[in-house]
């Protein structure tokens, strides 16, 4: 089952675009740049995991504790989106990661994640109207670094996460990949152009 992203199904809720992908993909940079370019037409929903870990939330390695961490991130992310949707109902929500991402980090696989947080893969995909997947820079031959200080993955771990995240988000009917490029500027330009086209599409839809 794939989510219907038509305006009639969305009703009055804001158009939601999720930016996701493996660590070091540039999604947070793209969100910041787009917000500077477009301003009040969008509102950025920050990444829940970064907020929590920056604030001192524990990062255990044992499976049971990791499940609790991912469940907490899921609920914070979901509520952050709902808060911003209530505050800015006329704006496009640009979500730095989404509620589906937790399935890639769950020790027992994605099915166990969705069951544990009392939802389904299809239901969480349906929260979003478009998905832009920024491929991790770890796929490049020149090494891998993430500008996010809370990211601790090795290059291989980043590649593995990228693949798991791609599998989870790919069923969305409006899924687009921004591939890794040797030029970070070129990659950001591609991503921002795509985001700008979505903003223009929503504006046209609203006017109609």
C-alpha atoms as a PDB file:
ATOM      1  CA  UNK A   1       0.000   0.000   0.000  1.00  0.00           C
ATOM      2  CA  UNK A   2       1.375   3.418  -0.978  1.00  0.00           C
ATOM      3  CA  UNK A   3       0.212   6.703   0.521  1.00  0.00           C
ATOM      4  CA  UNK A   4      -2.038   9.057  -1.437  1.00  0.00           C
ATOM      5  CA  UNK A   5      -0.470  12.519  -1.288  1.00  0.00           C
ATOM      6  CA  UNK A   6      -3.240  14.436  -3.046  1.00  0.00           C
ATOM      7  CA  UNK A   7      -4.535  17.688  -1.572  1.00  0.00           C
ATOM      8  CA  UNK A   8      -7.938  16.097  -0.925  1.00  0.00           C
ATOM      9  CA  UNK A   9      -6.343  13.441   1.277  1.00  0.00           C
ATOM     10  CA  UNK A  10      -4.098  15.947   3.073  1.00  0.00           C
ATOM     11  CA  UNK A  11      -7.054  18.173   3.806  1.00  0.00           C
ATOM     12  CA  UNK A  12      -5.908  21.239   5.713  1.00  0.00           C
ATOM     13  CA  UNK A  13      -2.640  19.834   7.014  1.00  0.00           C
ATOM     14  CA  UNK A  14       0.601  21.338   5.700  1.00  0.00           C
ATOM     15  CA  UNK A  15       2.535  19.792   2.837  1.00  0.00           C
ATOM     16  CA  UNK A  16       5.383  17.784   4.381  1.00  0.00           C
ATOM     17  CA  UNK A  17       8.715  17.137   2.724  1.00  0.00           C
ATOM     18  CA  UNK A  18      11.156  14.845   4.513  1.00  0.00           C
ATOM     19  CA  UNK A  19      14.898  15.100   3.932  1.00  0.00           C
ATOM     20  CA  UNK A  20      16.647  11.867   4.788  1.00  0.00           C
ATOM     21  CA  UNK A  21      19.578   9.663   3.819  1.00  0.00           C
ATOM     22  CA  UNK A  22      22.720   8.227   5.318  1.00  0.00           C
ATOM     23  CA  UNK A  23      25.007  10.231   7.634  1.00  0.00           C
ATOM     24  CA  UNK A  24      26.983  12.980   5.943  1.00  0.00           C
ATOM     25  CA  UNK A  25      24.575  13.340   3.039  1.00  0.00           C
ATOM     26  CA  UNK A  26      24.080  17.093   3.360  1.00  0.00           C
ATOM     27  CA  UNK A  27      20.370  17.148   4.177  1.00  0.00           C
ATOM     28  CA  UNK A  28      20.687  19.535   7.124  1.00  0.00           C
ATOM     29  CA  UNK A  29      22.807  21.916   5.051  1.00  0.00           C
ATOM     30  CA  UNK A  30      20.226  21.772   2.252  1.00  0.00           C
ATOM     31  CA  UNK A  31      17.411  22.552   4.685  1.00  0.00           C
ATOM     32  CA  UNK A  32      19.289  25.554   6.069  1.00  0.00           C
ATOM     33  CA  UNK A  33      20.139  26.885   2.612  1.00  0.00           C
ATOM     34  CA  UNK A  34      16.577  26.513   1.366  1.00  0.00           C
ATOM     35  CA  UNK A  35      15.191  28.265   4.421  1.00  0.00           C
ATOM     36  CA  UNK A  36      17.510  31.197   3.723  1.00  0.00           C
ATOM     37  CA  UNK A  37      16.416  31.310   0.084  1.00  0.00           C
ATOM     38  CA  UNK A  38      12.669  30.842   0.506  1.00  0.00           C
ATOM     39  CA  UNK A  39      12.086  32.159   4.015  1.00  0.00           C
ATOM     40  CA  UNK A  40       8.575  32.244   5.417  1.00  0.00           C
ATOM     41  CA  UNK A  41       7.041  29.862   2.894  1.00  0.00           C
ATOM     42  CA  UNK A  42       8.640  26.916   4.719  1.00  0.00           C
ATOM     43  CA  UNK A  43       9.390  25.949   8.292  1.00  0.00           C
ATOM     44  CA  UNK A  44      12.157  23.503   9.192  1.00  0.00           C
ATOM     45  CA  UNK A  45      11.403  20.673  11.615  1.00  0.00           C
ATOM     46  CA  UNK A  46      14.746  19.856  13.267  1.00  0.00           C
ATOM     47  CA  UNK A  47      16.122  16.347  13.629  1.00  0.00           C
ATOM     48  CA  UNK A  48      14.901  14.903  16.934  1.00  0.00           C
ATOM     49  CA  UNK A  49      17.929  12.645  17.433  1.00  0.00           C
ATOM     50  CA  UNK A  50      20.375  15.544  17.177  1.00  0.00           C
ATOM     51  CA  UNK A  51      18.329  17.609  19.631  1.00  0.00           C
ATOM     52  CA  UNK A  52      18.200  14.766  22.143  1.00  0.00           C
ATOM     53  CA  UNK A  53      21.833  13.689  21.900  1.00  0.00           C
ATOM     54  CA  UNK A  54      23.105  17.259  22.005  1.00  0.00           C
ATOM     55  CA  UNK A  55      21.136  17.702  25.219  1.00  0.00           C
ATOM     56  CA  UNK A  56      22.824  14.713  26.851  1.00  0.00           C
ATOM     57  CA  UNK A  57      20.338  11.943  26.043  1.00  0.00           C
ATOM     58  CA  UNK A  58      22.112   8.586  26.579  1.00  0.00           C
ATOM     59  CA  UNK A  59      23.470   6.551  23.660  1.00  0.00           C
ATOM     60  CA  UNK A  60      23.695   2.970  24.969  1.00  0.00           C
ATOM     61  CA  UNK A  61      24.903   0.075  22.844  1.00  0.00           C
ATOM     62  CA  UNK A  62      22.922  -2.835  24.324  1.00  0.00           C
ATOM     63  CA  UNK A  63      19.866  -3.776  22.213  1.00  0.00           C
ATOM     64  CA  UNK A  64      17.149  -3.271  24.814  1.00  0.00           C
ATOM     65  CA  UNK A  65      18.324   0.234  25.692  1.00  0.00           C
ATOM     66  CA  UNK A  66      18.743   1.089  21.994  1.00  0.00           C
ATOM     67  CA  UNK A  67      15.098   0.173  21.447  1.00  0.00           C
ATOM     68  CA  UNK A  68      14.084   2.647  24.149  1.00  0.00           C
ATOM     69  CA  UNK A  69      16.252   5.347  22.570  1.00  0.00           C
ATOM     70  CA  UNK A  70      14.726   4.864  19.124  1.00  0.00           C
ATOM     71  CA  UNK A  71      11.198   4.816  20.551  1.00  0.00           C
ATOM     72  CA  UNK A  72      11.913   8.129  22.293  1.00  0.00           C
ATOM     73  CA  UNK A  73      13.307   9.653  19.081  1.00  0.00           C
ATOM     74  CA  UNK A  74      10.223   8.500  17.149  1.00  0.00           C
ATOM     75  CA  UNK A  75       7.798  10.163  19.553  1.00  0.00           C
ATOM     76  CA  UNK A  76       9.807  13.387  19.762  1.00  0.00           C
ATOM     77  CA  UNK A  77      10.092  13.579  15.960  1.00  0.00           C
ATOM     78  CA  UNK A  78       6.399  12.966  15.489  1.00  0.00           C
ATOM     79  CA  UNK A  79       5.408  15.586  18.040  1.00  0.00           C
ATOM     80  CA  UNK A  80       7.881  18.141  16.679  1.00  0.00           C
ATOM     81  CA  UNK A  81       6.225  17.796  13.277  1.00  0.00           C
ATOM     82  CA  UNK A  82       2.756  18.133  14.792  1.00  0.00           C
ATOM     83  CA  UNK A  83       3.780  21.200  16.811  1.00  0.00           C
ATOM     84  CA  UNK A  84       5.139  22.956  13.737  1.00  0.00           C
ATOM     85  CA  UNK A  85       2.090  21.937  11.697  1.00  0.00           C
ATOM     86  CA  UNK A  86      -0.194  23.500  14.322  1.00  0.00           C
ATOM     87  CA  UNK A  87       1.893  26.667  14.594  1.00  0.00           C
ATOM     88  CA  UNK A  88       2.384  27.167  10.853  1.00  0.00           C
ATOM     89  CA  UNK A  89      -0.572  25.559   9.041  1.00  0.00           C
ATOM     90  CA  UNK A  90       0.004  27.593   5.863  1.00  0.00           C
ATOM     91  CA  UNK A  91       3.679  26.744   5.457  1.00  0.00           C
ATOM     92  CA  UNK A  92       5.484  23.764   3.960  1.00  0.00           C
ATOM     93  CA  UNK A  93       7.076  21.579   6.630  1.00  0.00           C
ATOM     94  CA  UNK A  94      10.658  20.667   5.749  1.00  0.00           C
ATOM     95  CA  UNK A  95      11.447  17.732   8.041  1.00  0.00           C
ATOM     96  CA  UNK A  96      15.069  16.933   8.838  1.00  0.00           C
ATOM     97  CA  UNK A  97      14.525  13.170   8.933  1.00  0.00           C
ATOM     98  CA  UNK A  98      11.155  11.543   9.523  1.00  0.00           C
ATOM     99  CA  UNK A  99       9.437   8.950  11.645  1.00  0.00           C
ATOM    100  CA  UNK A 100      10.303   6.116   9.252  1.00  0.00           C
ATOM    101  CA  UNK A 101      14.044   6.514   9.922  1.00  0.00           C
ATOM    102  CA  UNK A 102      13.908   4.698  13.252  1.00  0.00           C
ATOM    103  CA  UNK A 103      13.354   1.409  11.455  1.00  0.00           C
ATOM    104  CA  UNK A 104      16.918   1.557  10.100  1.00  0.00           C
ATOM    105  CA  UNK A 105      18.362   1.797  13.628  1.00  0.00           C
ATOM    106  CA  UNK A 106      16.155  -0.787  15.346  1.00  0.00           C
ATOM    107  CA  UNK A 107      18.186  -3.806  16.561  1.00  0.00           C
ATOM    108  CA  UNK A 108      15.627  -6.368  15.373  1.00  0.00           C
ATOM    109  CA  UNK A 109      14.759  -4.823  12.021  1.00  0.00           C
ATOM    110  CA  UNK A 110      12.147  -2.360  10.824  1.00  0.00           C
ATOM    111  CA  UNK A 111       9.084  -4.579  11.352  1.00  0.00           C
ATOM    112  CA  UNK A 112       9.819  -4.783  15.057  1.00  0.00           C
ATOM    113  CA  UNK A 113      10.243  -1.011  15.210  1.00  0.00           C
ATOM    114  CA  UNK A 114       6.855  -0.164  13.724  1.00  0.00           C
ATOM    115  CA  UNK A 115       5.124  -2.747  15.894  1.00  0.00           C
ATOM    116  CA  UNK A 116       6.829  -1.447  19.022  1.00  0.00           C
ATOM    117  CA  UNK A 117       5.692   2.153  18.474  1.00  0.00           C
ATOM    118  CA  UNK A 118       2.161   0.999  17.557  1.00  0.00           C
ATOM    119  CA  UNK A 119       2.087   2.051  13.935  1.00  0.00           C
ATOM    120  CA  UNK A 120       2.883   0.657  10.476  1.00  0.00           C
ATOM    121  CA  UNK A 121       5.365   1.367   7.734  1.00  0.00           C
ATOM    122  CA  UNK A 122       2.566   2.484   5.395  1.00  0.00           C
ATOM    123  CA  UNK A 123       1.035   4.806   7.989  1.00  0.00           C
ATOM    124  CA  UNK A 124       4.332   6.581   8.623  1.00  0.00           C
ATOM    125  CA  UNK A 125       5.100   6.948   4.911  1.00  0.00           C
ATOM    126  CA  UNK A 126       1.668   8.524   4.507  1.00  0.00           C
ATOM    127  CA  UNK A 127       2.623  11.352   6.889  1.00  0.00           C
ATOM    128  CA  UNK A 128       4.810  12.824   4.158  1.00  0.00           C
ATOM    129  CA  UNK A 129       3.988  14.202   0.731  1.00  0.00           C
ATOM    130  CA  UNK A 130       7.484  13.950  -0.743  1.00  0.00           C
ATOM    131  CA  UNK A 131      10.794  12.329   0.209  1.00  0.00           C
ATOM    132  CA  UNK A 132      14.199  13.653  -0.835  1.00  0.00           C
ATOM    133  CA  UNK A 133      16.976  11.196  -0.120  1.00  0.00           C
ATOM    134  CA  UNK A 134      20.486  12.640   0.151  1.00  0.00           C
ATOM    135  CA  UNK A 135      22.932   9.829  -0.494  1.00  0.00           C
ATOM    136  CA  UNK A 136      25.761   9.616   2.037  1.00  0.00           C
ATOM    137  CA  UNK A 137      29.180  11.000   1.162  1.00  0.00           C
ATOM    138  CA  UNK A 138      30.563   7.758   2.605  1.00  0.00           C
ATOM    139  CA  UNK A 139      29.893   6.172  -0.791  1.00  0.00           C
ATOM    140  CA  UNK A 140      32.652   8.310  -2.275  1.00  0.00           C
ATOM    141  CA  UNK A 141      36.204   7.116  -2.611  1.00  0.00           C
ATOM    142  CA  UNK A 142      37.694  10.204  -0.973  1.00  0.00           C
ATOM    143  CA  UNK A 143      36.672   9.489   2.599  1.00  0.00           C
ATOM    144  CA  UNK A 144      33.789  10.424   4.833  1.00  0.00           C
ATOM    145  CA  UNK A 145      33.220  13.145   7.372  1.00  0.00           C
ATOM    146  CA  UNK A 146      29.990  14.404   8.889  1.00  0.00           C
ATOM    147  CA  UNK A 147      29.698  17.983  10.091  1.00  0.00           C
ATOM    148  CA  UNK A 148      27.174  16.880  12.714  1.00  0.00           C
ATOM    149  CA  UNK A 149      29.109  16.337  15.977  1.00  0.00           C
ATOM    150  CA  UNK A 150      26.611  13.782  17.287  1.00  0.00           C
ATOM    151  CA  UNK A 151      27.183  11.462  14.327  1.00  0.00           C
ATOM    152  CA  UNK A 152      29.598   8.739  15.353  1.00  0.00           C
ATOM    153  CA  UNK A 153      29.288   6.233  12.488  1.00  0.00           C
ATOM    154  CA  UNK A 154      32.280   4.836  10.667  1.00  0.00           C
ATOM    155  CA  UNK A 155      32.352   5.053   6.887  1.00  0.00           C
ATOM    156  CA  UNK A 156      31.065   1.484   6.505  1.00  0.00           C
ATOM    157  CA  UNK A 157      28.335   2.013   9.088  1.00  0.00           C
ATOM    158  CA  UNK A 158      27.232   5.122   7.192  1.00  0.00           C
ATOM    159  CA  UNK A 159      27.048   3.127   3.939  1.00  0.00           C
ATOM    160  CA  UNK A 160      25.012   0.385   5.624  1.00  0.00           C
ATOM    161  CA  UNK A 161      22.616   2.899   7.161  1.00  0.00           C
ATOM    162  CA  UNK A 162      22.199   4.620   3.816  1.00  0.00           C
ATOM    163  CA  UNK A 163      21.103   1.331   2.238  1.00  0.00           C
ATOM    164  CA  UNK A 164      18.643   0.494   5.033  1.00  0.00           C
ATOM    165  CA  UNK A 165      17.135   3.973   4.969  1.00  0.00           C
ATOM    166  CA  UNK A 166      16.789   3.861   1.189  1.00  0.00           C
ATOM    167  CA  UNK A 167      14.918   0.542   1.380  1.00  0.00           C
ATOM    168  CA  UNK A 168      12.499   1.985   3.947  1.00  0.00           C
ATOM    169  CA  UNK A 169      11.725   5.201   2.094  1.00  0.00           C
ATOM    170  CA  UNK A 170      11.794   3.958  -1.499  1.00  0.00           C
ATOM    171  CA  UNK A 171       8.147   2.706  -1.485  1.00  0.00           C
ATOM    172  CA  UNK A 172       6.935   6.303  -1.177  1.00  0.00           C
ATOM    173  CA  UNK A 173       5.403   7.384  -4.520  1.00  0.00           C
ATOM    174  CA  UNK A 174       7.293  10.696  -4.475  1.00  0.00           C
ATOM    175  CA  UNK A 175      10.738   9.416  -3.553  1.00  0.00           C
ATOM    176  CA  UNK A 176      13.731  11.132  -5.162  1.00  0.00           C
ATOM    177  CA  UNK A 177      17.434  10.402  -4.671  1.00  0.00           C
ATOM    178  CA  UNK A 178      20.053  13.132  -4.738  1.00  0.00           C
ATOM    179  CA  UNK A 179      23.131  11.023  -5.495  1.00  0.00           C
ATOM    180  CA  UNK A 180      26.530  11.510  -3.960  1.00  0.00           C
ATOM    181  CA  UNK A 181      28.718  13.791  -6.064  1.00  0.00           C
ATOM    182  CA  UNK A 182      32.387  14.688  -5.919  1.00  0.00           C
ATOM    183  CA  UNK A 183      31.274  18.320  -5.764  1.00  0.00           C
ATOM    184  CA  UNK A 184      29.278  19.085  -2.618  1.00  0.00           C
ATOM    185  CA  UNK A 185      28.175  22.374  -4.193  1.00  0.00           C
ATOM    186  CA  UNK A 186      26.749  20.532  -7.215  1.00  0.00           C
ATOM    187  CA  UNK A 187      24.900  18.130  -4.924  1.00  0.00           C
ATOM    188  CA  UNK A 188      23.395  20.984  -2.892  1.00  0.00           C
ATOM    189  CA  UNK A 189      22.400  22.820  -6.064  1.00  0.00           C
ATOM    190  CA  UNK A 190      20.531  19.738  -7.308  1.00  0.00           C
ATOM    191  CA  UNK A 191      18.780  19.269  -3.983  1.00  0.00           C
ATOM    192  CA  UNK A 192      17.781  22.908  -3.631  1.00  0.00           C
ATOM    193  CA  UNK A 193      16.410  23.040  -7.183  1.00  0.00           C
ATOM    194  CA  UNK A 194      14.235  20.042  -6.411  1.00  0.00           C
ATOM    195  CA  UNK A 195      13.018  21.611  -3.183  1.00  0.00           C
ATOM    196  CA  UNK A 196      12.272  24.874  -4.967  1.00  0.00           C
ATOM    197  CA  UNK A 197      10.200  23.002  -7.556  1.00  0.00           C
ATOM    198  CA  UNK A 198       8.159  21.383  -4.775  1.00  0.00           C
ATOM    199  CA  UNK A 199       7.555  24.773  -3.156  1.00  0.00           C
ATOM    200  CA  UNK A 200       6.396  26.170  -6.509  1.00  0.00           C
ATOM    201  CA  UNK A 201       4.134  23.144  -7.036  1.00  0.00           C
ATOM    202  CA  UNK A 202       2.472  23.627  -3.658  1.00  0.00           C
ATOM    203  CA  UNK A 203       1.995  27.344  -4.343  1.00  0.00           C
ATOM    204  CA  UNK A 204       0.270  26.540  -7.643  1.00  0.00           C
ATOM    205  CA  UNK A 205      -1.896  23.897  -5.989  1.00  0.00           C
ATOM    206  CA  UNK A 206      -2.928  26.331  -3.249  1.00  0.00           C
ATOM    207  CA  UNK A 207      -3.731  29.080  -5.739  1.00  0.00           C
ATOM    208  CA  UNK A 208      -5.861  26.675  -7.732  1.00  0.00           C
END
